[in-house]
N, C-alpha and C. Protein backbone atom coordinates (compact mmCIF):
# COMPACT_ATOMS: atom_id res chain seq x y z
N MET A 1 -18.34 26.97 -13.74
CA MET A 1 -19.47 26.34 -13.12
C MET A 1 -20.52 26.03 -14.19
N GLN A 2 -21.03 24.83 -14.16
CA GLN A 2 -22.00 24.40 -15.15
C GLN A 2 -23.39 24.95 -14.80
N LYS A 3 -24.05 25.54 -15.78
CA LYS A 3 -25.40 26.08 -15.60
C LYS A 3 -26.42 25.01 -15.97
N ILE A 4 -27.55 25.06 -15.28
CA ILE A 4 -28.65 24.15 -15.57
C ILE A 4 -29.53 24.81 -16.63
N GLU A 5 -29.63 24.17 -17.78
CA GLU A 5 -30.47 24.66 -18.86
C GLU A 5 -31.87 24.08 -18.66
N TYR A 6 -32.86 24.95 -18.52
CA TYR A 6 -34.22 24.49 -18.26
C TYR A 6 -35.24 25.48 -18.78
N GLU A 7 -36.47 25.01 -18.93
CA GLU A 7 -37.62 25.85 -19.25
C GLU A 7 -38.72 25.48 -18.28
N GLY A 8 -39.44 26.44 -17.78
CA GLY A 8 -40.55 26.15 -16.87
C GLY A 8 -40.07 25.91 -15.45
N LYS A 9 -40.47 24.80 -14.87
CA LYS A 9 -40.16 24.48 -13.48
C LYS A 9 -38.99 23.51 -13.38
N VAL A 10 -38.30 23.57 -12.23
CA VAL A 10 -37.26 22.58 -11.88
C VAL A 10 -37.82 21.82 -10.69
N TRP A 11 -38.02 20.54 -10.85
CA TRP A 11 -38.65 19.68 -9.85
C TRP A 11 -37.60 19.10 -8.93
N VAL A 12 -37.69 19.41 -7.64
CA VAL A 12 -36.74 18.91 -6.65
C VAL A 12 -37.46 17.86 -5.80
N LEU A 13 -36.96 16.63 -5.87
CA LEU A 13 -37.58 15.52 -5.12
C LEU A 13 -37.17 15.63 -3.66
N ASN A 14 -38.14 15.91 -2.82
CA ASN A 14 -37.87 16.13 -1.40
C ASN A 14 -38.67 15.12 -0.58
N TYR A 15 -37.98 14.11 -0.08
CA TYR A 15 -38.61 13.07 0.73
C TYR A 15 -38.24 13.28 2.20
N ASN A 16 -38.86 14.27 2.83
CA ASN A 16 -38.63 14.57 4.24
C ASN A 16 -37.16 14.82 4.57
N ASN A 17 -36.48 15.55 3.70
CA ASN A 17 -35.09 15.91 3.96
C ASN A 17 -35.04 16.96 5.07
N PRO A 18 -33.94 16.99 5.85
CA PRO A 18 -33.81 18.02 6.89
C PRO A 18 -33.74 19.41 6.26
N GLN A 19 -34.25 20.40 6.97
CA GLN A 19 -34.33 21.76 6.43
C GLN A 19 -32.98 22.33 6.01
N PRO A 20 -31.88 22.10 6.76
CA PRO A 20 -30.58 22.63 6.28
C PRO A 20 -30.20 22.07 4.90
N LEU A 21 -30.52 20.81 4.64
CA LEU A 21 -30.23 20.22 3.33
C LEU A 21 -31.10 20.86 2.25
N VAL A 22 -32.37 21.07 2.54
CA VAL A 22 -33.28 21.71 1.57
C VAL A 22 -32.81 23.13 1.27
N ASP A 23 -32.47 23.89 2.31
CA ASP A 23 -32.00 25.27 2.12
C ASP A 23 -30.73 25.31 1.28
N HIS A 24 -29.80 24.39 1.56
CA HIS A 24 -28.55 24.37 0.80
C HIS A 24 -28.80 23.93 -0.64
N THR A 25 -29.73 23.02 -0.85
CA THR A 25 -30.10 22.59 -2.20
C THR A 25 -30.58 23.78 -3.01
N ILE A 26 -31.48 24.57 -2.44
CA ILE A 26 -32.00 25.75 -3.14
C ILE A 26 -30.87 26.72 -3.46
N LEU A 27 -29.99 26.97 -2.50
CA LEU A 27 -28.85 27.86 -2.72
C LEU A 27 -27.97 27.36 -3.86
N MET A 28 -27.66 26.08 -3.87
CA MET A 28 -26.79 25.53 -4.91
C MET A 28 -27.46 25.57 -6.28
N LEU A 29 -28.76 25.33 -6.34
CA LEU A 29 -29.47 25.42 -7.62
C LEU A 29 -29.46 26.85 -8.13
N GLU A 30 -29.62 27.81 -7.24
CA GLU A 30 -29.55 29.22 -7.65
C GLU A 30 -28.17 29.55 -8.20
N LYS A 31 -27.14 29.02 -7.58
CA LYS A 31 -25.77 29.28 -8.07
C LYS A 31 -25.53 28.66 -9.44
N HIS A 32 -26.33 27.65 -9.78
CA HIS A 32 -26.20 26.99 -11.08
C HIS A 32 -27.23 27.50 -12.08
N GLY A 33 -27.82 28.68 -11.80
CA GLY A 33 -28.65 29.36 -12.78
C GLY A 33 -30.14 29.15 -12.69
N VAL A 34 -30.64 28.51 -11.64
CA VAL A 34 -32.08 28.29 -11.50
C VAL A 34 -32.67 29.41 -10.64
N LYS A 35 -33.74 30.00 -11.11
CA LYS A 35 -34.42 31.04 -10.34
C LYS A 35 -35.22 30.38 -9.21
N ARG A 36 -35.20 31.01 -8.04
CA ARG A 36 -35.90 30.47 -6.86
C ARG A 36 -37.37 30.23 -7.15
N GLU A 37 -38.01 31.12 -7.89
CA GLU A 37 -39.44 30.97 -8.16
C GLU A 37 -39.75 29.81 -9.11
N ASP A 38 -38.74 29.27 -9.79
CA ASP A 38 -38.93 28.13 -10.68
C ASP A 38 -38.73 26.78 -9.98
N ILE A 39 -38.29 26.79 -8.73
CA ILE A 39 -38.02 25.55 -7.99
C ILE A 39 -39.30 25.08 -7.32
N VAL A 40 -39.64 23.79 -7.56
CA VAL A 40 -40.81 23.19 -6.93
C VAL A 40 -40.33 21.99 -6.11
N LEU A 41 -40.50 22.08 -4.79
CA LEU A 41 -40.18 20.96 -3.90
C LEU A 41 -41.38 20.04 -3.83
N THR A 42 -41.18 18.75 -4.13
CA THR A 42 -42.30 17.82 -4.18
C THR A 42 -41.83 16.38 -4.00
N GLU A 43 -42.73 15.51 -3.62
CA GLU A 43 -42.46 14.07 -3.61
C GLU A 43 -42.91 13.45 -4.92
N THR A 44 -43.90 14.06 -5.57
CA THR A 44 -44.46 13.51 -6.80
C THR A 44 -44.54 14.60 -7.87
N PRO A 45 -43.51 14.71 -8.69
CA PRO A 45 -43.51 15.76 -9.71
C PRO A 45 -44.48 15.46 -10.85
N THR A 46 -44.95 16.52 -11.49
CA THR A 46 -45.77 16.42 -12.69
C THR A 46 -44.90 16.91 -13.84
N VAL A 47 -44.22 15.98 -14.48
CA VAL A 47 -43.18 16.36 -15.45
C VAL A 47 -43.58 16.03 -16.88
N ASP A 48 -42.94 16.71 -17.80
CA ASP A 48 -43.04 16.44 -19.23
C ASP A 48 -41.64 16.08 -19.72
N VAL A 49 -41.57 15.50 -20.91
CA VAL A 49 -40.28 15.21 -21.52
C VAL A 49 -39.49 16.51 -21.63
N GLY A 50 -38.24 16.49 -21.19
CA GLY A 50 -37.38 17.66 -21.22
C GLY A 50 -37.31 18.39 -19.89
N SER A 51 -38.20 18.07 -18.94
CA SER A 51 -38.18 18.71 -17.63
C SER A 51 -36.92 18.32 -16.86
N ILE A 52 -36.51 19.20 -15.95
CA ILE A 52 -35.37 18.93 -15.08
C ILE A 52 -35.90 18.42 -13.74
N VAL A 53 -35.32 17.31 -13.28
CA VAL A 53 -35.65 16.72 -11.99
C VAL A 53 -34.36 16.61 -11.19
N VAL A 54 -34.41 17.04 -9.92
CA VAL A 54 -33.23 17.02 -9.06
C VAL A 54 -33.47 16.03 -7.92
N GLU A 55 -32.60 15.02 -7.84
CA GLU A 55 -32.64 14.09 -6.73
C GLU A 55 -31.70 14.61 -5.65
N VAL A 56 -32.20 14.70 -4.42
CA VAL A 56 -31.43 15.26 -3.31
C VAL A 56 -30.89 14.12 -2.45
N TRP A 57 -29.58 14.09 -2.30
CA TRP A 57 -28.90 13.13 -1.44
C TRP A 57 -28.08 13.93 -0.43
N PRO A 58 -27.72 13.35 0.70
CA PRO A 58 -26.98 14.12 1.71
C PRO A 58 -25.68 14.74 1.22
N TYR A 59 -25.03 14.14 0.22
CA TYR A 59 -23.72 14.64 -0.22
C TYR A 59 -23.68 15.09 -1.67
N GLU A 60 -24.82 15.01 -2.37
CA GLU A 60 -24.82 15.46 -3.76
C GLU A 60 -26.24 15.69 -4.26
N LEU A 61 -26.33 16.48 -5.31
CA LEU A 61 -27.57 16.69 -6.04
C LEU A 61 -27.38 16.06 -7.41
N VAL A 62 -28.31 15.23 -7.84
CA VAL A 62 -28.23 14.61 -9.15
C VAL A 62 -29.24 15.32 -10.05
N ILE A 63 -28.71 15.97 -11.08
CA ILE A 63 -29.53 16.74 -12.01
C ILE A 63 -29.84 15.84 -13.20
N GLY A 64 -31.12 15.62 -13.46
CA GLY A 64 -31.52 14.76 -14.57
C GLY A 64 -32.54 15.44 -15.47
N ARG A 65 -32.57 15.03 -16.71
CA ARG A 65 -33.56 15.53 -17.67
C ARG A 65 -34.47 14.37 -18.05
N VAL A 66 -35.78 14.60 -17.99
CA VAL A 66 -36.76 13.56 -18.29
C VAL A 66 -36.69 13.19 -19.76
N ARG A 67 -36.51 11.87 -20.02
CA ARG A 67 -36.43 11.38 -21.39
C ARG A 67 -37.75 10.83 -21.89
N SER A 68 -38.55 10.22 -20.97
CA SER A 68 -39.85 9.69 -21.37
C SER A 68 -40.76 9.60 -20.16
N THR A 69 -42.07 9.57 -20.43
CA THR A 69 -43.06 9.43 -19.37
C THR A 69 -44.05 8.33 -19.76
N ARG A 70 -44.59 7.68 -18.73
CA ARG A 70 -45.62 6.65 -18.96
C ARG A 70 -46.39 6.46 -17.66
N ASN A 71 -47.71 6.58 -17.73
CA ASN A 71 -48.57 6.34 -16.57
C ASN A 71 -48.10 7.09 -15.34
N GLU A 72 -47.85 8.37 -15.47
CA GLU A 72 -47.43 9.24 -14.37
C GLU A 72 -46.06 8.88 -13.80
N SER A 73 -45.29 8.06 -14.49
CA SER A 73 -43.91 7.76 -14.11
C SER A 73 -43.00 8.37 -15.17
N PHE A 74 -41.73 8.53 -14.81
CA PHE A 74 -40.81 9.12 -15.77
C PHE A 74 -39.46 8.42 -15.70
N ILE A 75 -38.74 8.52 -16.80
CA ILE A 75 -37.36 8.03 -16.89
C ILE A 75 -36.50 9.24 -17.21
N SER A 76 -35.45 9.42 -16.42
CA SER A 76 -34.56 10.56 -16.67
C SER A 76 -33.13 10.08 -16.78
N GLY A 77 -32.35 10.83 -17.52
CA GLY A 77 -30.92 10.57 -17.63
C GLY A 77 -30.16 11.64 -16.87
N THR A 78 -29.08 11.25 -16.23
CA THR A 78 -28.30 12.20 -15.44
C THR A 78 -27.56 13.16 -16.36
N GLU A 79 -27.74 14.44 -16.10
CA GLU A 79 -27.01 15.49 -16.82
C GLU A 79 -25.66 15.73 -16.15
N PHE A 80 -25.69 15.91 -14.83
CA PHE A 80 -24.48 16.07 -14.03
C PHE A 80 -24.84 16.03 -12.56
N THR A 81 -23.84 16.06 -11.69
CA THR A 81 -24.07 16.09 -10.25
C THR A 81 -23.41 17.33 -9.65
N ILE A 82 -23.97 17.77 -8.53
CA ILE A 82 -23.40 18.88 -7.77
C ILE A 82 -23.02 18.32 -6.42
N GLU A 83 -21.76 18.37 -6.08
CA GLU A 83 -21.29 17.85 -4.80
C GLU A 83 -21.63 18.83 -3.68
N LEU A 84 -22.12 18.29 -2.57
CA LEU A 84 -22.40 19.09 -1.37
C LEU A 84 -21.35 18.74 -0.33
N LYS A 85 -20.71 19.75 0.24
CA LYS A 85 -19.64 19.51 1.21
C LYS A 85 -20.08 19.96 2.59
N LEU A 86 -19.57 19.26 3.60
CA LEU A 86 -19.87 19.55 5.00
C LEU A 86 -18.59 19.90 5.74
N ASP A 87 -18.72 20.74 6.77
CA ASP A 87 -17.57 21.00 7.64
C ASP A 87 -17.55 19.95 8.76
N GLU A 88 -16.62 20.09 9.69
CA GLU A 88 -16.45 19.11 10.76
C GLU A 88 -17.67 18.99 11.66
N GLU A 89 -18.46 20.06 11.75
CA GLU A 89 -19.66 20.06 12.60
C GLU A 89 -20.90 19.57 11.85
N GLY A 90 -20.76 19.25 10.58
CA GLY A 90 -21.90 18.77 9.80
C GLY A 90 -22.71 19.87 9.14
N ASN A 91 -22.16 21.07 9.05
CA ASN A 91 -22.84 22.18 8.39
C ASN A 91 -22.43 22.22 6.92
N TYR A 92 -23.39 22.53 6.05
CA TYR A 92 -23.09 22.59 4.63
C TYR A 92 -22.24 23.81 4.31
N LEU A 93 -21.26 23.61 3.44
CA LEU A 93 -20.36 24.68 3.03
C LEU A 93 -20.76 25.19 1.65
N ASP A 94 -20.66 26.48 1.47
CA ASP A 94 -20.87 27.08 0.18
C ASP A 94 -19.51 27.20 -0.47
N TYR A 95 -19.15 26.21 -1.27
CA TYR A 95 -17.78 26.15 -1.80
C TYR A 95 -17.61 26.81 -3.14
N LEU A 96 -18.66 27.39 -3.70
CA LEU A 96 -18.53 28.01 -5.03
C LEU A 96 -18.24 29.48 -4.91
């Protein structure tokens, strides 16, 4: 399992995602080496170059590292993705 290498906070972009998805996102990030107290759920992160930003999608988490910032915007490159799996009832599975 690939670990997320980070310093400081891990910014999770949360745009009104359903609570089961948010809970599963936190669980999966913990399984990939992120401490719960370092996770910040936000719509507008305050990032520096080198920060980790996580985009949350219904079926995957996209882990990116900030490459540059300008005028409170940032550009990040994808480090890797974490697939999220569902059972037949639509519940998230812990497959690790």
